[in-house]
Amino acid sequence: MIDHIRPAQLAEWLAQCRQQGCDRPVVLDVREPWEVQLASVKAEGFDLVHMPMASLPARLGELPRDGHIACLCHHGGRSAQVAYFLKNQGFEHVVNIHGGIHAWSAEVDPSVPRY
């Protein structure tokens, strides 16, 4: 089972990660490069890693197995698939950011363009 959080809940999730001993949680942006150029989040209190969904199997070793990872895409569909994939690969602390960057713009930072 994968937990889902809204962008507005990210700060709370980050605080919980720190309480569990994870100093640098990761927001894993699985969108395509052109999407990241259109709209991106600011890494505040977390490491932002851009890894397009299709590249993930080959780049799995770049992610911290014991770290906390929140997956992000446009609306939450691709990131949910990635979160399930990571869980099946043995990553324990994975959540999906439900609503994606579109919801991020509405709930966290209205300066992030919607597309």
PDB file of N, CA and C in Angstrom:
ATOM      1  N   MET A   1       0.841  -1.183   0.000  1.00  0.00           N
ATOM      2  CA  MET A   1       0.000   0.000   0.000  1.00  0.00           C
ATOM      3  C   MET A   1       0.886   1.246   0.000  1.00  0.00           C
ATOM      4  N   ILE A   2       0.498   2.205  -0.775  1.00  0.00           N
ATOM      5  CA  ILE A   2       1.224   3.467  -0.886  1.00  0.00           C
ATOM      6  C   ILE A   2       0.389   4.562  -0.221  1.00  0.00           C
ATOM      7  N   ASP A   3       1.069   5.388   0.571  1.00  0.00           N
ATOM      8  CA  ASP A   3       0.409   6.548   1.150  1.00  0.00           C
ATOM      9  C   ASP A   3       0.396   7.674   0.122  1.00  0.00           C
ATOM     10  N   HIS A   4      -0.653   8.457   0.166  1.00  0.00           N
ATOM     11  CA  HIS A   4      -0.795   9.612  -0.713  1.00  0.00           C
ATOM     12  C   HIS A   4      -0.924  10.854   0.160  1.00  0.00           C
ATOM     13  N   ILE A   5      -0.188  11.894  -0.217  1.00  0.00           N
ATOM     14  CA  ILE A   5      -0.300  13.166   0.473  1.00  0.00           C
ATOM     15  C   ILE A   5      -0.635  14.237  -0.554  1.00  0.00           C
ATOM     16  N   ARG A   6      -1.275  15.291  -0.110  1.00  0.00           N
ATOM     17  CA  ARG A   6      -1.529  16.445  -0.960  1.00  0.00           C
ATOM     18  C   ARG A   6      -0.310  17.366  -0.865  1.00  0.00           C
ATOM     19  N   PRO A   7      -0.064  18.198  -1.848  1.00  0.00           N
ATOM     20  CA  PRO A   7       1.047  19.139  -1.752  1.00  0.00           C
ATOM     21  C   PRO A   7       0.992  19.980  -0.472  1.00  0.00           C
ATOM     22  N   ALA A   8      -0.188  20.358  -0.039  1.00  0.00           N
ATOM     23  CA  ALA A   8      -0.327  21.158   1.179  1.00  0.00           C
ATOM     24  C   ALA A   8       0.119  20.391   2.424  1.00  0.00           C
ATOM     25  N   GLN A   9       0.217  19.071   2.335  1.00  0.00           N
ATOM     26  CA  GLN A   9       0.635  18.245   3.463  1.00  0.00           C
ATOM     27  C   GLN A   9       2.136  17.948   3.447  1.00  0.00           C
ATOM     28  N   LEU A  10       2.843  18.452   2.451  1.00  0.00           N
ATOM     29  CA  LEU A  10       4.263  18.132   2.318  1.00  0.00           C
ATOM     30  C   LEU A  10       5.071  18.607   3.520  1.00  0.00           C
ATOM     31  N   ALA A  11       4.808  19.804   4.014  1.00  0.00           N
ATOM     32  CA  ALA A  11       5.577  20.320   5.162  1.00  0.00           C
ATOM     33  C   ALA A  11       5.423  19.398   6.372  1.00  0.00           C
ATOM     34  N   GLU A  12       4.217  18.917   6.590  1.00  0.00           N
ATOM     35  CA  GLU A  12       3.971  17.979   7.698  1.00  0.00           C
ATOM     36  C   GLU A  12       4.721  16.667   7.459  1.00  0.00           C
ATOM     37  N   TRP A  13       4.708  16.185   6.229  1.00  0.00           N
ATOM     38  CA  TRP A  13       5.419  14.950   5.882  1.00  0.00           C
ATOM     39  C   TRP A  13       6.915  15.122   6.101  1.00  0.00           C
ATOM     40  N   LEU A  14       7.457  16.276   5.692  1.00  0.00           N
ATOM     41  CA  LEU A  14       8.879  16.546   5.889  1.00  0.00           C
ATOM     42  C   LEU A  14       9.238  16.545   7.369  1.00  0.00           C
ATOM     43  N   ALA A  15       8.384  17.138   8.193  1.00  0.00           N
ATOM     44  CA  ALA A  15       8.628  17.157   9.644  1.00  0.00           C
ATOM     45  C   ALA A  15       8.627  15.738  10.210  1.00  0.00           C
ATOM     46  N   GLN A  16       7.694  14.902   9.756  1.00  0.00           N
ATOM     47  CA  GLN A  16       7.646  13.511  10.211  1.00  0.00           C
ATOM     48  C   GLN A  16       8.904  12.758   9.784  1.00  0.00           C
ATOM     49  N   CYS A  17       9.387  13.037   8.578  1.00  0.00           N
ATOM     50  CA  CYS A  17      10.614  12.401   8.093  1.00  0.00           C
ATOM     51  C   CYS A  17      11.775  12.742   9.017  1.00  0.00           C
ATOM     52  N   ARG A  18      11.881  14.003   9.380  1.00  0.00           N
ATOM     53  CA  ARG A  18      12.979  14.425  10.258  1.00  0.00           C
ATOM     54  C   ARG A  18      12.870  13.768  11.626  1.00  0.00           C
ATOM     55  N   GLN A  19      11.655  13.617  12.134  1.00  0.00           N
ATOM     56  CA  GLN A  19      11.457  12.943  13.421  1.00  0.00           C
ATOM     57  C   GLN A  19      11.910  11.491  13.351  1.00  0.00           C
ATOM     58  N   GLN A  20      11.832  10.909  12.162  1.00  0.00           N
ATOM     59  CA  GLN A  20      12.242   9.518  11.972  1.00  0.00           C
ATOM     60  C   GLN A  20      13.717   9.402  11.595  1.00  0.00           C
ATOM     61  N   GLY A  21      14.446  10.526  11.641  1.00  0.00           N
ATOM     62  CA  GLY A  21      15.883  10.491  11.416  1.00  0.00           C
ATOM     63  C   GLY A  21      16.339  10.734   9.996  1.00  0.00           C
ATOM     64  N   CYS A  22      15.466  11.145   9.107  1.00  0.00           N
ATOM     65  CA  CYS A  22      15.845  11.420   7.721  1.00  0.00           C
ATOM     66  C   CYS A  22      16.032  12.926   7.561  1.00  0.00           C
ATOM     67  N   ASP A  23      17.288  13.348   7.445  1.00  0.00           N
ATOM     68  CA  ASP A  23      17.584  14.772   7.350  1.00  0.00           C
ATOM     69  C   ASP A  23      17.255  15.372   5.989  1.00  0.00           C
ATOM     70  N   ARG A  24      17.406  14.614   4.918  1.00  0.00           N
ATOM     71  CA  ARG A  24      17.188  15.139   3.577  1.00  0.00           C
ATOM     72  C   ARG A  24      16.226  14.246   2.794  1.00  0.00           C
ATOM     73  N   PRO A  25      14.934  14.391   3.048  1.00  0.00           N
ATOM     74  CA  PRO A  25      13.964  13.662   2.232  1.00  0.00           C
ATOM     75  C   PRO A  25      14.106  14.077   0.763  1.00  0.00           C
ATOM     76  N   VAL A  26      13.612  13.242  -0.114  1.00  0.00           N
ATOM     77  CA  VAL A  26      13.707  13.478  -1.551  1.00  0.00           C
ATOM     78  C   VAL A  26      12.310  13.671  -2.136  1.00  0.00           C
ATOM     79  N   VAL A  27      12.157  14.715  -2.941  1.00  0.00           N
ATOM     80  CA  VAL A  27      10.991  14.818  -3.816  1.00  0.00           C
ATOM     81  C   VAL A  27      11.490  14.381  -5.183  1.00  0.00           C
ATOM     82  N   LEU A  28      10.938  13.275  -5.652  1.00  0.00           N
ATOM     83  CA  LEU A  28      11.346  12.667  -6.919  1.00  0.00           C
ATOM     84  C   LEU A  28      10.373  13.106  -8.011  1.00  0.00           C
ATOM     85  N   ASP A  29      10.826  14.001  -8.870  1.00  0.00           N
ATOM     86  CA  ASP A  29      10.009  14.516  -9.970  1.00  0.00           C
ATOM     87  C   ASP A  29      10.198  13.592 -11.160  1.00  0.00           C
ATOM     88  N   VAL A  30       9.144  12.870 -11.534  1.00  0.00           N
ATOM     89  CA  VAL A  30       9.246  11.859 -12.589  1.00  0.00           C
ATOM     90  C   VAL A  30       8.711  12.352 -13.933  1.00  0.00           C
ATOM     91  N   ARG A  31       8.508  13.659 -14.039  1.00  0.00           N
ATOM     92  CA  ARG A  31       8.004  14.221 -15.295  1.00  0.00           C
ATOM     93  C   ARG A  31       9.109  14.302 -16.344  1.00  0.00           C
ATOM     94  N   GLU A  32       8.712  14.547 -17.569  1.00  0.00           N
ATOM     95  CA  GLU A  32       9.651  14.685 -18.680  1.00  0.00           C
ATOM     96  C   GLU A  32      10.383  16.025 -18.573  1.00  0.00           C
ATOM     97  N   PRO A  33      11.578  16.118 -19.168  1.00  0.00           N
ATOM     98  CA  PRO A  33      12.346  17.363 -19.072  1.00  0.00           C
ATOM     99  C   PRO A  33      11.573  18.605 -19.532  1.00  0.00           C
ATOM    100  N   TRP A  34      10.791  18.490 -20.599  1.00  0.00           N
ATOM    101  CA  TRP A  34      10.048  19.661 -21.079  1.00  0.00           C
ATOM    102  C   TRP A  34       9.023  20.120 -20.046  1.00  0.00           C
ATOM    103  N   GLU A  35       8.472  19.182 -19.273  1.00  0.00           N
ATOM    104  CA  GLU A  35       7.512  19.547 -18.236  1.00  0.00           C
ATOM    105  C   GLU A  35       8.195  20.293 -17.094  1.00  0.00           C
ATOM    106  N   VAL A  36       9.381  19.833 -16.739  1.00  0.00           N
ATOM    107  CA  VAL A  36      10.141  20.470 -15.657  1.00  0.00           C
ATOM    108  C   VAL A  36      10.527  21.884 -16.065  1.00  0.00           C
ATOM    109  N   GLN A  37      10.830  22.086 -17.361  1.00  0.00           N
ATOM    110  CA  GLN A  37      11.153  23.427 -17.841  1.00  0.00           C
ATOM    111  C   GLN A  37       9.954  24.354 -17.745  1.00  0.00           C
ATOM    112  N   LEU A  38       8.763  23.828 -17.952  1.00  0.00           N
ATOM    113  CA  LEU A  38       7.548  24.640 -17.863  1.00  0.00           C
ATOM    114  C   LEU A  38       7.207  25.028 -16.434  1.00  0.00           C
ATOM    115  N   ALA A  39       7.344  24.078 -15.525  1.00  0.00           N
ATOM    116  CA  ALA A  39       6.929  24.310 -14.137  1.00  0.00           C
ATOM    117  C   ALA A  39       7.744  23.412 -13.223  1.00  0.00           C
ATOM    118  N   SER A  40       8.318  24.014 -12.193  1.00  0.00           N
ATOM    119  CA  SER A  40       9.106  23.234 -11.247  1.00  0.00           C
ATOM    120  C   SER A  40       8.894  23.764  -9.840  1.00  0.00           C
ATOM    121  N   VAL A  41       9.217  22.921  -8.882  1.00  0.00           N
ATOM    122  CA  VAL A  41       9.101  23.312  -7.478  1.00  0.00           C
ATOM    123  C   VAL A  41      10.470  23.769  -6.980  1.00  0.00           C
ATOM    124  N   LYS A  42      10.452  24.533  -5.904  1.00  0.00           N
ATOM    125  CA  LYS A  42      11.691  24.965  -5.268  1.00  0.00           C
ATOM    126  C   LYS A  42      12.030  23.962  -4.176  1.00  0.00           C
ATOM    127  N   ALA A  43      13.268  23.528  -4.138  1.00  0.00           N
ATOM    128  CA  ALA A  43      13.708  22.563  -3.127  1.00  0.00           C
ATOM    129  C   ALA A  43      13.962  23.300  -1.814  1.00  0.00           C
ATOM    130  N   GLU A  44      12.996  23.245  -0.935  1.00  0.00           N
ATOM    131  CA  GLU A  44      13.109  23.880   0.377  1.00  0.00           C
ATOM    132  C   GLU A  44      12.850  22.828   1.443  1.00  0.00           C
ATOM    133  N   GLY A  45      13.932  22.376   2.097  1.00  0.00           N
ATOM    134  CA  GLY A  45      13.799  21.363   3.132  1.00  0.00           C
ATOM    135  C   GLY A  45      13.841  19.940   2.611  1.00  0.00           C
ATOM    136  N   PHE A  46      14.149  19.788   1.339  1.00  0.00           N
ATOM    137  CA  PHE A  46      14.242  18.456   0.726  1.00  0.00           C
ATOM    138  C   PHE A  46      15.168  18.544  -0.473  1.00  0.00           C
ATOM    139  N   ASP A  47      15.645  17.392  -0.913  1.00  0.00           N
ATOM    140  CA  ASP A  47      16.414  17.317  -2.148  1.00  0.00           C
ATOM    141  C   ASP A  47      15.438  17.061  -3.285  1.00  0.00           C
ATOM    142  N   LEU A  48      15.560  17.821  -4.342  1.00  0.00           N
ATOM    143  CA  LEU A  48      14.729  17.635  -5.523  1.00  0.00           C
ATOM    144  C   LEU A  48      15.523  16.859  -6.551  1.00  0.00           C
ATOM    145  N   VAL A  49      15.001  15.696  -6.940  1.00  0.00           N
ATOM    146  CA  VAL A  49      15.670  14.838  -7.916  1.00  0.00           C
ATOM    147  C   VAL A  49      14.734  14.682  -9.109  1.00  0.00           C
ATOM    148  N   HIS A  50      15.242  15.046 -10.290  1.00  0.00           N
ATOM    149  CA  HIS A  50      14.466  14.863 -11.511  1.00  0.00           C
ATOM    150  C   HIS A  50      14.930  13.585 -12.191  1.00  0.00           C
ATOM    151  N   MET A  51      13.990  12.670 -12.359  1.00  0.00           N
ATOM    152  CA  MET A  51      14.293  11.383 -12.974  1.00  0.00           C
ATOM    153  C   MET A  51      13.047  10.966 -13.763  1.00  0.00           C
ATOM    154  N   PRO A  52      13.027  11.224 -15.071  1.00  0.00           N
ATOM    155  CA  PRO A  52      11.840  10.849 -15.842  1.00  0.00           C
ATOM    156  C   PRO A  52      11.459   9.384 -15.602  1.00  0.00           C
ATOM    157  N   MET A  53      10.174   9.139 -15.580  1.00  0.00           N
ATOM    158  CA  MET A  53       9.645   7.814 -15.250  1.00  0.00           C
ATOM    159  C   MET A  53      10.323   6.692 -16.033  1.00  0.00           C
ATOM    160  N   ALA A  54      10.509   6.875 -17.332  1.00  0.00           N
ATOM    161  CA  ALA A  54      11.096   5.814 -18.167  1.00  0.00           C
ATOM    162  C   ALA A  54      12.552   5.519 -17.812  1.00  0.00           C
ATOM    163  N   SER A  55      13.243   6.489 -17.199  1.00  0.00           N
ATOM    164  CA  SER A  55      14.649   6.290 -16.865  1.00  0.00           C
ATOM    165  C   SER A  55      14.839   5.630 -15.501  1.00  0.00           C
ATOM    166  N   LEU A  56      13.776   5.509 -14.750  1.00  0.00           N
ATOM    167  CA  LEU A  56      13.879   5.058 -13.365  1.00  0.00           C
ATOM    168  C   LEU A  56      14.532   3.683 -13.189  1.00  0.00           C
ATOM    169  N   PRO A  57      14.140   2.644 -13.931  1.00  0.00           N
ATOM    170  CA  PRO A  57      14.766   1.338 -13.691  1.00  0.00           C
ATOM    171  C   PRO A  57      16.294   1.370 -13.825  1.00  0.00           C
ATOM    172  N   ALA A  58      16.802   2.105 -14.800  1.00  0.00           N
ATOM    173  CA  ALA A  58      18.247   2.166 -15.012  1.00  0.00           C
ATOM    174  C   ALA A  58      18.952   3.041 -13.973  1.00  0.00           C
ATOM    175  N   ARG A  59      18.210   3.948 -13.334  1.00  0.00           N
ATOM    176  CA  ARG A  59      18.822   4.898 -12.397  1.00  0.00           C
ATOM    177  C   ARG A  59      18.450   4.622 -10.944  1.00  0.00           C
ATOM    178  N   LEU A  60      17.881   3.487 -10.686  1.00  0.00           N
ATOM    179  CA  LEU A  60      17.393   3.145  -9.345  1.00  0.00           C
ATOM    180  C   LEU A  60      18.470   3.294  -8.275  1.00  0.00           C
ATOM    181  N   GLY A  61      19.698   2.982  -8.611  1.00  0.00           N
ATOM    182  CA  GLY A  61      20.801   3.063  -7.666  1.00  0.00           C
ATOM    183  C   GLY A  61      21.117   4.475  -7.200  1.00  0.00           C
ATOM    184  N   GLU A  62      20.579   5.484  -7.865  1.00  0.00           N
ATOM    185  CA  GLU A  62      20.814   6.874  -7.479  1.00  0.00           C
ATOM    186  C   GLU A  62      19.920   7.318  -6.324  1.00  0.00           C
ATOM    187  N   LEU A  63      18.941   6.507  -5.986  1.00  0.00           N
ATOM    188  CA  LEU A  63      17.992   6.878  -4.929  1.00  0.00           C
ATOM    189  C   LEU A  63      18.383   6.227  -3.607  1.00  0.00           C
ATOM    190  N   PRO A  64      18.160   6.932  -2.502  1.00  0.00           N
ATOM    191  CA  PRO A  64      18.514   6.385  -1.186  1.00  0.00           C
ATOM    192  C   PRO A  64      17.497   5.328  -0.728  1.00  0.00           C
ATOM    193  N   ARG A  65      17.929   4.083  -0.658  1.00  0.00           N
ATOM    194  CA  ARG A  65      17.005   2.998  -0.280  1.00  0.00           C
ATOM    195  C   ARG A  65      16.396   3.194   1.096  1.00  0.00           C
ATOM    196  N   ASP A  66      17.149   3.785   2.003  1.00  0.00           N
ATOM    197  CA  ASP A  66      16.624   3.961   3.361  1.00  0.00           C
ATOM    198  C   ASP A  66      16.078   5.368   3.585  1.00  0.00           C
ATOM    199  N   GLY A  67      16.034   6.165   2.522  1.00  0.00           N
ATOM    200  CA  GLY A  67      15.533   7.531   2.634  1.00  0.00           C
ATOM    201  C   GLY A  67      14.024   7.611   2.464  1.00  0.00           C
ATOM    202  N   HIS A  68      13.515   8.801   2.662  1.00  0.00           N
ATOM    203  CA  HIS A  68      12.094   9.087   2.466  1.00  0.00           C
ATOM    204  C   HIS A  68      11.934   9.764   1.112  1.00  0.00           C
ATOM    205  N   ILE A  69      11.028   9.232   0.299  1.00  0.00           N
ATOM    206  CA  ILE A  69      10.856   9.721  -1.069  1.00  0.00           C
ATOM    207  C   ILE A  69       9.387  10.038  -1.315  1.00  0.00           C
ATOM    208  N   ALA A  70       9.140  11.257  -1.807  1.00  0.00           N
ATOM    209  CA  ALA A  70       7.797  11.673  -2.224  1.00  0.00           C
ATOM    210  C   ALA A  70       7.836  11.837  -3.737  1.00  0.00           C
ATOM    211  N   CYS A  71       6.994  11.107  -4.445  1.00  0.00           N
ATOM    212  CA  CYS A  71       6.990  11.104  -5.906  1.00  0.00           C
ATOM    213  C   CYS A  71       6.024  12.154  -6.440  1.00  0.00           C
ATOM    214  N   LEU A  72       6.464  12.879  -7.468  1.00  0.00           N
ATOM    215  CA  LEU A  72       5.716  13.998  -8.035  1.00  0.00           C
ATOM    216  C   LEU A  72       5.652  13.892  -9.551  1.00  0.00           C
ATOM    217  N   CYS A  73       4.492  14.169 -10.114  1.00  0.00           N
ATOM    218  CA  CYS A  73       4.352  14.289 -11.568  1.00  0.00           C
ATOM    219  C   CYS A  73       3.367  15.429 -11.853  1.00  0.00           C
ATOM    220  N   HIS A  74       2.665  15.372 -12.978  1.00  0.00           N
ATOM    221  CA  HIS A  74       1.746  16.448 -13.347  1.00  0.00           C
ATOM    222  C   HIS A  74       0.470  16.434 -12.504  1.00  0.00           C
ATOM    223  N   HIS A  75      -0.208  15.304 -12.446  1.00  0.00           N
ATOM    224  CA  HIS A  75      -1.457  15.197 -11.686  1.00  0.00           C
ATOM    225  C   HIS A  75      -1.443  14.104 -10.614  1.00  0.00           C
ATOM    226  N   GLY A  76      -0.457  13.234 -10.623  1.00  0.00           N
ATOM    227  CA  GLY A  76      -0.355  12.195  -9.601  1.00  0.00           C
ATOM    228  C   GLY A  76      -0.455  10.777 -10.108  1.00  0.00           C
ATOM    229  N   GLY A  77      -0.752  10.585 -11.383  1.00  0.00           N
ATOM    230  CA  GLY A  77      -0.876   9.233 -11.932  1.00  0.00           C
ATOM    231  C   GLY A  77       0.455   8.538 -12.140  1.00  0.00           C
ATOM    232  N   ARG A  78       1.354   9.185 -12.861  1.00  0.00           N
ATOM    233  CA  ARG A  78       2.674   8.583 -13.099  1.00  0.00           C
ATOM    234  C   ARG A  78       3.430   8.417 -11.784  1.00  0.00           C
ATOM    235  N   SER A  79       3.333   9.420 -10.917  1.00  0.00           N
ATOM    236  CA  SER A  79       4.069   9.339  -9.650  1.00  0.00           C
ATOM    237  C   SER A  79       3.529   8.219  -8.772  1.00  0.00           C
ATOM    238  N   ALA A  80       2.238   7.934  -8.853  1.00  0.00           N
ATOM    239  CA  ALA A  80       1.680   6.805  -8.097  1.00  0.00           C
ATOM    240  C   ALA A  80       2.257   5.495  -8.617  1.00  0.00           C
ATOM    241  N   GLN A  81       2.377   5.366  -9.941  1.00  0.00           N
ATOM    242  CA  GLN A  81       2.973   4.164 -10.519  1.00  0.00           C
ATOM    243  C   GLN A  81       4.417   4.015 -10.074  1.00  0.00           C
ATOM    244  N   VAL A  82       5.161   5.116 -10.049  1.00  0.00           N
ATOM    245  CA  VAL A  82       6.555   5.084  -9.615  1.00  0.00           C
ATOM    246  C   VAL A  82       6.636   4.708  -8.139  1.00  0.00           C
ATOM    247  N   ALA A  83       5.750   5.264  -7.330  1.00  0.00           N
ATOM    248  CA  ALA A  83       5.754   4.942  -5.896  1.00  0.00           C
ATOM    249  C   ALA A  83       5.518   3.441  -5.685  1.00  0.00           C
ATOM    250  N   TYR A  84       4.575   2.859  -6.410  1.00  0.00           N
ATOM    251  CA  TYR A  84       4.339   1.412  -6.313  1.00  0.00           C
ATOM    252  C   TYR A  84       5.569   0.632  -6.774  1.00  0.00           C
ATOM    253  N   PHE A  85       6.186   1.072  -7.862  1.00  0.00           N
ATOM    254  CA  PHE A  85       7.389   0.415  -8.368  1.00  0.00           C
ATOM    255  C   PHE A  85       8.486   0.445  -7.308  1.00  0.00           C
ATOM    256  N   LEU A  86       8.730   1.620  -6.725  1.00  0.00           N
ATOM    257  CA  LEU A  86       9.766   1.734  -5.705  1.00  0.00           C
ATOM    258  C   LEU A  86       9.478   0.834  -4.513  1.00  0.00           C
ATOM    259  N   LYS A  87       8.225   0.800  -4.091  1.00  0.00           N
ATOM    260  CA  LYS A  87       7.835  -0.062  -2.971  1.00  0.00           C
ATOM    261  C   LYS A  87       8.143  -1.518  -3.302  1.00  0.00           C
ATOM    262  N   ASN A  88       7.823  -1.928  -4.518  1.00  0.00           N
ATOM    263  CA  ASN A  88       8.089  -3.307  -4.937  1.00  0.00           C
ATOM    264  C   ASN A  88       9.583  -3.605  -5.069  1.00  0.00           C
ATOM    265  N   GLN A  89      10.394  -2.560  -5.194  1.00  0.00           N
ATOM    266  CA  GLN A  89      11.844  -2.722  -5.276  1.00  0.00           C
ATOM    267  C   GLN A  89      12.503  -2.667  -3.904  1.00  0.00           C
ATOM    268  N   GLY A  90      11.702  -2.558  -2.839  1.00  0.00           N
ATOM    269  CA  GLY A  90      12.247  -2.592  -1.495  1.00  0.00           C
ATOM    270  C   GLY A  90      12.409  -1.250  -0.804  1.00  0.00           C
ATOM    271  N   PHE A  91      11.987  -0.180  -1.448  1.00  0.00           N
ATOM    272  CA  PHE A  91      12.015   1.130  -0.801  1.00  0.00           C
ATOM    273  C   PHE A  91      10.835   1.192   0.163  1.00  0.00           C
ATOM    274  N   GLU A  92      11.103   1.498   1.423  1.00  0.00           N
ATOM    275  CA  GLU A  92      10.053   1.434   2.436  1.00  0.00           C
ATOM    276  C   GLU A  92       9.324   2.743   2.674  1.00  0.00           C
ATOM    277  N   HIS A  93      10.011   3.854   2.531  1.00  0.00           N
ATOM    278  CA  HIS A  93       9.440   5.150   2.912  1.00  0.00           C
ATOM    279  C   HIS A  93       9.098   5.961   1.668  1.00  0.00           C
ATOM    280  N   VAL A  94       8.022   5.574   0.995  1.00  0.00           N
ATOM    281  CA  VAL A  94       7.634   6.201  -0.265  1.00  0.00           C
ATOM    282  C   VAL A  94       6.189   6.678  -0.171  1.00  0.00           C
ATOM    283  N   VAL A  95       5.954   7.901  -0.638  1.00  0.00           N
ATOM    284  CA  VAL A  95       4.594   8.429  -0.742  1.00  0.00           C
ATOM    285  C   VAL A  95       4.404   9.021  -2.137  1.00  0.00           C
ATOM    286  N   ASN A  96       3.158   9.168  -2.523  1.00  0.00           N
ATOM    287  CA  ASN A  96       2.799   9.819  -3.771  1.00  0.00           C
ATOM    288  C   ASN A  96       2.211  11.189  -3.443  1.00  0.00           C
ATOM    289  N   ILE A  97       2.638  12.204  -4.191  1.00  0.00           N
ATOM    290  CA  ILE A  97       2.046  13.535  -4.033  1.00  0.00           C
ATOM    291  C   ILE A  97       0.832  13.602  -4.946  1.00  0.00           C
ATOM    292  N   HIS A  98      -0.325  13.372  -4.358  1.00  0.00           N
ATOM    293  CA  HIS A  98      -1.600  13.315  -5.084  1.00  0.00           C
ATOM    294  C   HIS A  98      -1.968  14.706  -5.602  1.00  0.00           C
ATOM    295  N   GLY A  99      -2.273  14.780  -6.862  1.00  0.00           N
ATOM    296  CA  GLY A  99      -2.615  16.056  -7.481  1.00  0.00           C
ATOM    297  C   GLY A  99      -1.449  16.677  -8.227  1.00  0.00           C
ATOM    298  N   GLY A 100      -0.235  16.184  -7.941  1.00  0.00           N
ATOM    299  CA  GLY A 100       0.956  16.590  -8.664  1.00  0.00           C
ATOM    300  C   GLY A 100       1.272  18.067  -8.616  1.00  0.00           C
ATOM    301  N   ILE A 101       2.038  18.492  -9.605  1.00  0.00           N
ATOM    302  CA  ILE A 101       2.476  19.881  -9.647  1.00  0.00           C
ATOM    303  C   ILE A 101       1.307  20.821  -9.915  1.00  0.00           C
ATOM    304  N   HIS A 102       0.273  20.305 -10.549  1.00  0.00           N
ATOM    305  CA  HIS A 102      -0.927  21.107 -10.777  1.00  0.00           C
ATOM    306  C   HIS A 102      -1.530  21.525  -9.432  1.00  0.00           C
ATOM    307  N   ALA A 103      -1.662  20.577  -8.519  1.00  0.00           N
ATOM    308  CA  ALA A 103      -2.188  20.884  -7.187  1.00  0.00           C
ATOM    309  C   ALA A 103      -1.174  21.694  -6.379  1.00  0.00           C
ATOM    310  N   TRP A 104       0.123  21.465  -6.631  1.00  0.00           N
ATOM    311  CA  TRP A 104       1.160  22.230  -5.941  1.00  0.00           C
ATOM    312  C   TRP A 104       0.956  23.717  -6.195  1.00  0.00           C
ATOM    313  N   SER A 105       0.654  24.052  -7.449  1.00  0.00           N
ATOM    314  CA  SER A 105       0.422  25.445  -7.815  1.00  0.00           C
ATOM    315  C   SER A 105      -0.773  26.019  -7.055  1.00  0.00           C
ATOM    316  N   ALA A 106      -1.803  25.237  -6.885  1.00  0.00           N
ATOM    317  CA  ALA A 106      -3.016  25.705  -6.201  1.00  0.00           C
ATOM    318  C   ALA A 106      -2.857  25.743  -4.686  1.00  0.00           C
ATOM    319  N   GLU A 107      -2.111  24.790  -4.119  1.00  0.00           N
ATOM    320  CA  GLU A 107      -2.068  24.637  -2.661  1.00  0.00           C
ATOM    321  C   GLU A 107      -0.817  25.205  -1.985  1.00  0.00           C
ATOM    322  N   VAL A 108       0.287  25.274  -2.715  1.00  0.00           N
ATOM    323  CA  VAL A 108       1.559  25.633  -2.060  1.00  0.00           C
ATOM    324  C   VAL A 108       2.158  26.907  -2.660  1.00  0.00           C
ATOM    325  N   ASP A 109       2.294  26.955  -3.975  1.00  0.00           N
ATOM    326  CA  ASP A 109       3.014  28.054  -4.595  1.00  0.00           C
ATOM    327  C   ASP A 109       2.326  28.469  -5.900  1.00  0.00           C
ATOM    328  N   PRO A 110       1.485  29.513  -5.842  1.00  0.00           N
ATOM    329  CA  PRO A 110       0.768  29.926  -7.044  1.00  0.00           C
ATOM    330  C   PRO A 110       1.666  30.485  -8.152  1.00  0.00           C
ATOM    331  N   SER A 111       2.949  30.716  -7.865  1.00  0.00           N
ATOM    332  CA  SER A 111       3.849  31.180  -8.925  1.00  0.00           C
ATOM    333  C   SER A 111       4.277  30.039  -9.846  1.00  0.00           C
ATOM    334  N   VAL A 112       3.999  28.796  -9.458  1.00  0.00           N
ATOM    335  CA  VAL A 112       4.303  27.653 -10.319  1.00  0.00           C
ATOM    336  C   VAL A 112       3.245  27.609 -11.417  1.00  0.00           C
ATOM    337  N   PRO A 113       3.674  27.707 -12.678  1.00  0.00           N
ATOM    338  CA  PRO A 113       2.700  27.709 -13.778  1.00  0.00           C
ATOM    339  C   PRO A 113       1.930  26.391 -13.869  1.00  0.00           C
ATOM    340  N   ARG A 114       0.702  26.505 -14.291  1.00  0.00           N
ATOM    341  CA  ARG A 114      -0.107  25.312 -14.582  1.00  0.00           C
ATOM    342  C   ARG A 114      -0.079  25.083 -16.088  1.00  0.00           C
ATOM    343  N   TYR A 115      -0.082  23.833 -16.462  1.00  0.00           N
ATOM    344  CA  TYR A 115      -0.079  23.488 -17.890  1.00  0.00           C
ATOM    345  C   TYR A 115      -0.963  22.311 -18.140  1.00  0.00           C
TER     346      TYR A 115
END
